[in-house]
Amino acid sequence: MKPLHGQPGSVVPERSDQLSLFDSAPSEPTWEVKVSGRTRRLTVRVYPGGRVEIVVPPRTSPKAIEQFVARHRRWIDSKVDAFRARLPTVRHLPEQIELRATDERLPLHWQEGAGAGHLLERDGGLHYHGPLDWKIATPVLHTWLLQAGRERLTPWLAEVAAQRGFSYVRTQVRRQRTRWGSCSRSGTISLNVCLLFQTPAVVRYLFIHELSHTQHMDHSERFWAKVALHEPAWKALDRELTRGWQGVPDWVFG
């Protein structure tokens, strides 16, 4: 097992209006500390891409953080090893992209060619022309995925907001590793394009979660009461969303 290196350094304030994307995943020996006014105890999260996050209440001492890490070191290392073992040793370009959120299955047609790769969506499928190289082709897939997210998620969010009497200023779709969505105080709702790989019920729950933040910029009892009013099954859906990384293809972050 690889140890965690470094000492607790600068403490980064944690935003209170975001919903976590992963509860644990493969990690390299790097980590950071975040302060959260919403938490009363120290917690640890292991994320993909080599990041261990320690979430602490305000005014937590560095010594208390070091002791907490030492107590949970074995658990952290086990999570790191478990999720590293799930990483594919050989990466293959996908033959099909399945968007569970919209019940779409798009076959991918690969045609090797020179120059920069490009991707077109037509005839119920995706057609790529360019170098058949993972490092060249996956950024092209990322660009398409973001566009697909804007076209599919943005109007869907607007529809849910209108049905439930919420209002917001604008929407942006991003490809993030650690957040499913967020809502800013200025009324901007950010959505993770990885929602396309989740079930419609889970996506709708995430919409309700972020729309509720337009009225309550915290995770208070009033906030959760608002969420429950519009989505009574939110607890089960929240647990499903926490595990949602399992449905995200490896090329999305490749």
Protein backbone atom coordinates (compact mmCIF):
# COMPACT_ATOMS: atom_id res chain seq x y z
CA MET A 1 0.00 0.00 0.00
CA LYS A 2 1.27 3.43 -0.86
CA PRO A 3 1.31 5.89 2.03
CA LEU A 4 -0.10 9.40 1.99
CA HIS A 5 2.65 11.98 1.80
CA GLY A 6 2.78 15.52 3.10
CA GLN A 7 1.46 17.42 6.08
CA PRO A 8 -1.84 19.31 6.34
CA GLY A 9 -1.24 22.52 4.45
CA SER A 10 -3.52 25.36 3.46
CA VAL A 11 -7.14 24.87 4.39
CA VAL A 12 -9.57 25.41 1.53
CA PRO A 13 -13.15 26.55 2.28
CA GLU A 14 -15.68 24.05 1.00
CA ARG A 15 -18.68 25.29 -0.95
CA SER A 16 -21.99 24.48 0.69
CA ASP A 17 -24.08 24.38 -2.46
CA GLN A 18 -22.60 21.38 -4.24
CA LEU A 19 -23.48 17.70 -4.28
CA SER A 20 -20.60 15.26 -4.29
CA LEU A 21 -20.06 13.08 -7.32
CA PHE A 22 -18.00 10.25 -5.77
CA ASP A 23 -17.84 8.80 -2.29
CA SER A 24 -14.63 6.90 -3.05
CA ALA A 25 -12.43 5.91 -5.96
CA PRO A 26 -8.80 5.22 -6.97
CA SER A 27 -6.24 7.60 -5.59
CA GLU A 28 -2.57 8.44 -5.65
CA PRO A 29 -0.80 9.67 -2.51
CA THR A 30 -1.93 13.30 -2.65
CA TRP A 31 -4.56 14.94 -0.49
CA GLU A 32 -6.00 18.21 0.70
CA VAL A 33 -8.04 19.60 3.57
CA LYS A 34 -11.35 21.44 3.16
CA VAL A 35 -13.23 23.34 5.84
CA SER A 36 -17.01 22.98 5.87
CA GLY A 37 -19.37 24.91 8.08
CA ARG A 38 -21.92 22.15 7.50
CA THR A 39 -19.93 19.36 9.15
CA ARG A 40 -19.49 18.72 12.85
CA ARG A 41 -16.94 15.94 12.55
CA LEU A 42 -13.96 15.06 10.41
CA THR A 43 -14.60 12.92 7.35
CA VAL A 44 -12.45 11.54 4.55
CA ARG A 45 -13.25 11.09 0.87
CA VAL A 46 -11.14 9.31 -1.73
CA TYR A 47 -11.60 10.53 -5.29
CA PRO A 48 -10.44 9.34 -8.70
CA GLY A 49 -7.36 10.90 -10.20
CA GLY A 50 -5.17 10.82 -7.10
CA ARG A 51 -6.91 12.94 -4.49
CA VAL A 52 -7.77 12.26 -0.85
CA GLU A 53 -9.96 14.93 0.71
CA ILE A 54 -10.28 15.51 4.45
CA VAL A 55 -13.38 17.56 5.33
CA VAL A 56 -13.16 19.27 8.72
CA PRO A 57 -15.25 21.67 10.82
CA PRO A 58 -14.01 25.25 11.20
CA ARG A 59 -11.08 25.83 13.57
CA THR A 60 -9.89 22.22 13.47
CA SER A 61 -6.22 22.06 14.46
CA PRO A 62 -3.56 20.51 12.17
CA LYS A 63 -2.71 18.03 14.94
CA ALA A 64 -6.31 16.82 15.11
CA ILE A 65 -6.28 16.34 11.32
CA GLU A 66 -3.03 14.35 11.46
CA GLN A 67 -4.43 12.10 14.19
CA PHE A 68 -7.63 11.57 12.22
CA VAL A 69 -5.68 10.57 9.11
CA ALA A 70 -3.55 8.17 11.13
CA ARG A 71 -6.65 6.47 12.58
CA HIS A 72 -8.21 6.02 9.14
CA ARG A 73 -5.04 5.29 7.17
CA ARG A 74 -5.84 1.60 6.70
CA TRP A 75 -9.34 2.37 5.37
CA ILE A 76 -7.99 4.99 2.97
CA ASP A 77 -5.33 2.63 1.64
CA SER A 78 -7.87 -0.16 1.20
CA LYS A 79 -10.09 2.15 -0.86
CA VAL A 80 -7.14 3.25 -2.96
CA ASP A 81 -6.13 -0.34 -3.68
CA ALA A 82 -9.68 -1.57 -4.30
CA PHE A 83 -10.51 1.05 -6.87
CA ARG A 84 -7.11 0.97 -8.52
CA ALA A 85 -7.72 -2.72 -9.20
CA ARG A 86 -10.85 -1.82 -11.16
CA LEU A 87 -8.99 0.36 -13.64
CA PRO A 88 -8.65 -1.24 -17.09
CA THR A 89 -5.10 -2.26 -17.99
CA VAL A 90 -5.78 -1.77 -21.70
CA ARG A 91 -8.07 0.97 -22.97
CA HIS A 92 -10.26 0.39 -25.99
CA LEU A 93 -12.26 2.94 -27.92
CA PRO A 94 -15.97 2.29 -27.30
CA GLU A 95 -18.18 0.60 -29.88
CA GLN A 96 -21.32 2.18 -28.46
CA ILE A 97 -22.31 5.00 -26.14
CA GLU A 98 -25.33 4.35 -23.94
CA LEU A 99 -27.03 7.39 -22.45
CA ARG A 100 -29.27 5.93 -19.76
CA ALA A 101 -30.77 9.30 -18.91
CA THR A 102 -32.42 9.58 -22.33
CA ASP A 103 -32.60 5.87 -23.22
CA GLU A 104 -30.25 6.26 -26.21
CA ARG A 105 -27.80 3.71 -27.58
CA LEU A 106 -25.53 5.28 -30.16
CA PRO A 107 -23.23 2.96 -32.12
CA LEU A 108 -19.78 4.38 -32.86
CA HIS A 109 -18.38 3.98 -36.35
CA TRP A 110 -14.61 4.43 -36.45
CA GLN A 111 -12.81 5.37 -39.66
CA GLU A 112 -9.09 5.94 -39.57
CA GLY A 113 -7.77 9.05 -41.25
CA ALA A 114 -5.10 11.72 -41.11
CA GLY A 115 -5.23 15.04 -39.32
CA ALA A 116 -7.31 15.99 -36.31
CA GLY A 117 -10.17 13.68 -35.51
CA HIS A 118 -13.77 14.82 -35.82
CA LEU A 119 -17.08 13.27 -34.84
CA LEU A 120 -20.54 13.62 -36.37
CA GLU A 121 -23.87 12.47 -34.98
CA ARG A 122 -26.16 11.25 -37.74
CA ASP A 123 -28.44 8.36 -38.69
CA GLY A 124 -28.86 7.34 -35.07
CA GLY A 125 -25.14 6.85 -34.50
CA LEU A 126 -21.76 8.55 -34.15
CA HIS A 127 -19.23 8.65 -37.00
CA TYR A 128 -15.58 9.38 -36.24
CA HIS A 129 -12.88 10.11 -38.80
CA GLY A 130 -9.27 10.60 -37.75
CA PRO A 131 -6.38 8.87 -35.96
CA LEU A 132 -7.51 5.80 -34.00
CA ASP A 133 -5.45 6.78 -31.00
CA TRP A 134 -6.89 6.96 -27.48
CA LYS A 135 -5.22 10.29 -26.66
CA ILE A 136 -6.52 11.89 -29.85
CA ALA A 137 -9.96 10.31 -30.08
CA THR A 138 -11.13 10.71 -26.48
CA PRO A 139 -10.91 14.55 -26.45
CA VAL A 140 -13.14 14.46 -29.54
CA LEU A 141 -15.60 12.29 -27.61
CA HIS A 142 -15.43 14.73 -24.70
CA THR A 143 -16.37 17.64 -26.96
CA TRP A 144 -19.31 15.71 -28.37
CA LEU A 145 -20.42 14.63 -24.89
CA LEU A 146 -20.52 18.20 -23.60
CA GLN A 147 -22.61 19.27 -26.58
CA ALA A 148 -24.90 16.28 -26.06
CA GLY A 149 -25.27 17.27 -22.42
CA ARG A 150 -26.22 20.84 -23.30
CA GLU A 151 -28.80 19.66 -25.81
CA ARG A 152 -30.36 17.06 -23.54
CA LEU A 153 -29.94 18.26 -19.96
CA THR A 154 -30.55 22.01 -20.32
CA PRO A 155 -34.15 21.83 -21.66
CA TRP A 156 -34.93 18.98 -19.27
CA LEU A 157 -33.89 21.09 -16.28
CA ALA A 158 -36.00 23.99 -17.58
CA GLU A 159 -39.00 21.68 -17.88
CA VAL A 160 -38.65 20.38 -14.31
CA ALA A 161 -38.19 23.93 -12.99
CA ALA A 162 -41.33 25.13 -14.75
CA GLN A 163 -43.36 22.16 -13.50
CA ARG A 164 -42.28 22.71 -9.90
CA GLY A 165 -42.33 26.50 -9.77
CA PHE A 166 -38.57 27.11 -9.53
CA SER A 167 -36.64 29.82 -11.33
CA TYR A 168 -32.94 30.27 -12.06
CA VAL A 169 -30.79 32.48 -14.26
CA ARG A 170 -28.84 30.14 -16.51
CA THR A 171 -27.44 26.65 -16.93
CA GLN A 172 -23.97 25.39 -17.72
CA VAL A 173 -22.89 21.81 -18.43
CA ARG A 174 -19.41 20.66 -17.42
CA ARG A 175 -17.35 17.48 -17.25
CA GLN A 176 -16.38 17.16 -13.59
CA ARG A 177 -14.83 14.45 -11.46
CA THR A 178 -16.15 15.42 -8.03
CA ARG A 179 -19.51 17.19 -8.36
CA TRP A 180 -22.80 16.14 -9.91
CA GLY A 181 -24.09 19.68 -9.85
CA SER A 182 -24.01 23.05 -8.14
CA CYS A 183 -26.05 26.20 -7.77
CA SER A 184 -24.43 29.60 -7.37
CA ARG A 185 -25.86 32.52 -5.43
CA SER A 186 -26.26 34.36 -8.72
CA GLY A 187 -28.68 31.69 -9.94
CA THR A 188 -26.44 29.65 -12.22
CA ILE A 189 -27.02 25.90 -12.10
CA SER A 190 -24.08 23.76 -13.21
CA LEU A 191 -24.72 20.18 -14.30
CA ASN A 192 -22.21 17.41 -14.73
CA VAL A 193 -22.42 15.82 -18.15
CA CYS A 194 -21.95 12.44 -16.45
CA LEU A 195 -25.63 12.68 -15.51
CA LEU A 196 -26.28 11.35 -19.00
CA PHE A 197 -25.10 7.94 -17.75
CA GLN A 198 -27.55 7.87 -14.84
CA THR A 199 -31.19 6.79 -14.73
CA PRO A 200 -33.90 9.39 -15.46
CA ALA A 201 -35.13 9.25 -11.84
CA VAL A 202 -31.65 10.01 -10.50
CA VAL A 203 -31.17 12.88 -12.96
CA ARG A 204 -34.49 14.36 -11.98
CA TYR A 205 -33.53 14.12 -8.30
CA LEU A 206 -30.32 16.01 -9.00
CA PHE A 207 -32.34 18.70 -10.76
CA ILE A 208 -34.64 19.00 -7.74
CA HIS A 209 -31.62 19.13 -5.44
CA GLU A 210 -30.01 22.01 -7.29
CA LEU A 211 -33.27 23.86 -7.91
CA SER A 212 -33.98 23.70 -4.18
CA HIS A 213 -30.68 25.51 -3.66
CA THR A 214 -32.13 28.50 -5.49
CA GLN A 215 -34.26 29.00 -2.37
CA HIS A 216 -31.99 27.57 0.32
CA MET A 217 -28.23 27.94 -0.22
CA ASP A 218 -27.31 25.31 2.34
CA HIS A 219 -28.21 21.78 3.41
CA SER A 220 -30.44 22.84 6.28
CA GLU A 221 -33.63 21.13 7.41
CA ARG A 222 -35.61 23.62 5.33
CA PHE A 223 -33.60 22.68 2.26
CA TRP A 224 -34.19 18.94 2.69
CA ALA A 225 -37.86 19.56 3.39
CA LYS A 226 -38.08 21.38 0.06
CA VAL A 227 -36.34 18.49 -1.70
CA ALA A 228 -38.67 15.96 -0.02
CA LEU A 229 -41.72 17.97 -1.06
CA HIS A 230 -40.81 17.57 -4.72
CA GLU A 231 -39.07 14.18 -4.51
CA PRO A 232 -40.27 11.98 -1.61
CA ALA A 233 -37.86 9.17 -2.59
CA TRP A 234 -34.82 11.46 -2.43
CA LYS A 235 -32.89 9.38 0.13
CA ALA A 236 -32.83 6.26 -2.06
CA LEU A 237 -32.05 8.32 -5.15
CA ASP A 238 -29.27 10.14 -3.32
CA ARG A 239 -27.66 6.80 -2.42
CA GLU A 240 -27.97 5.70 -6.04
CA LEU A 241 -26.39 8.94 -7.21
CA THR A 242 -23.49 8.48 -4.81
CA ARG A 243 -22.75 5.18 -6.56
CA GLY A 244 -23.34 6.73 -9.97
CA TRP A 245 -19.63 6.82 -10.88
CA GLN A 246 -19.89 3.11 -11.60
CA GLY A 247 -21.96 3.86 -14.69
CA VAL A 248 -19.55 6.43 -16.14
CA PRO A 249 -17.39 4.92 -18.95
CA ASP A 250 -13.63 5.12 -18.53
CA TRP A 251 -13.20 7.23 -21.69
CA VAL A 252 -15.10 10.13 -20.07
CA PHE A 253 -12.12 10.94 -17.87
CA GLY A 254 -9.47 9.28 -20.03
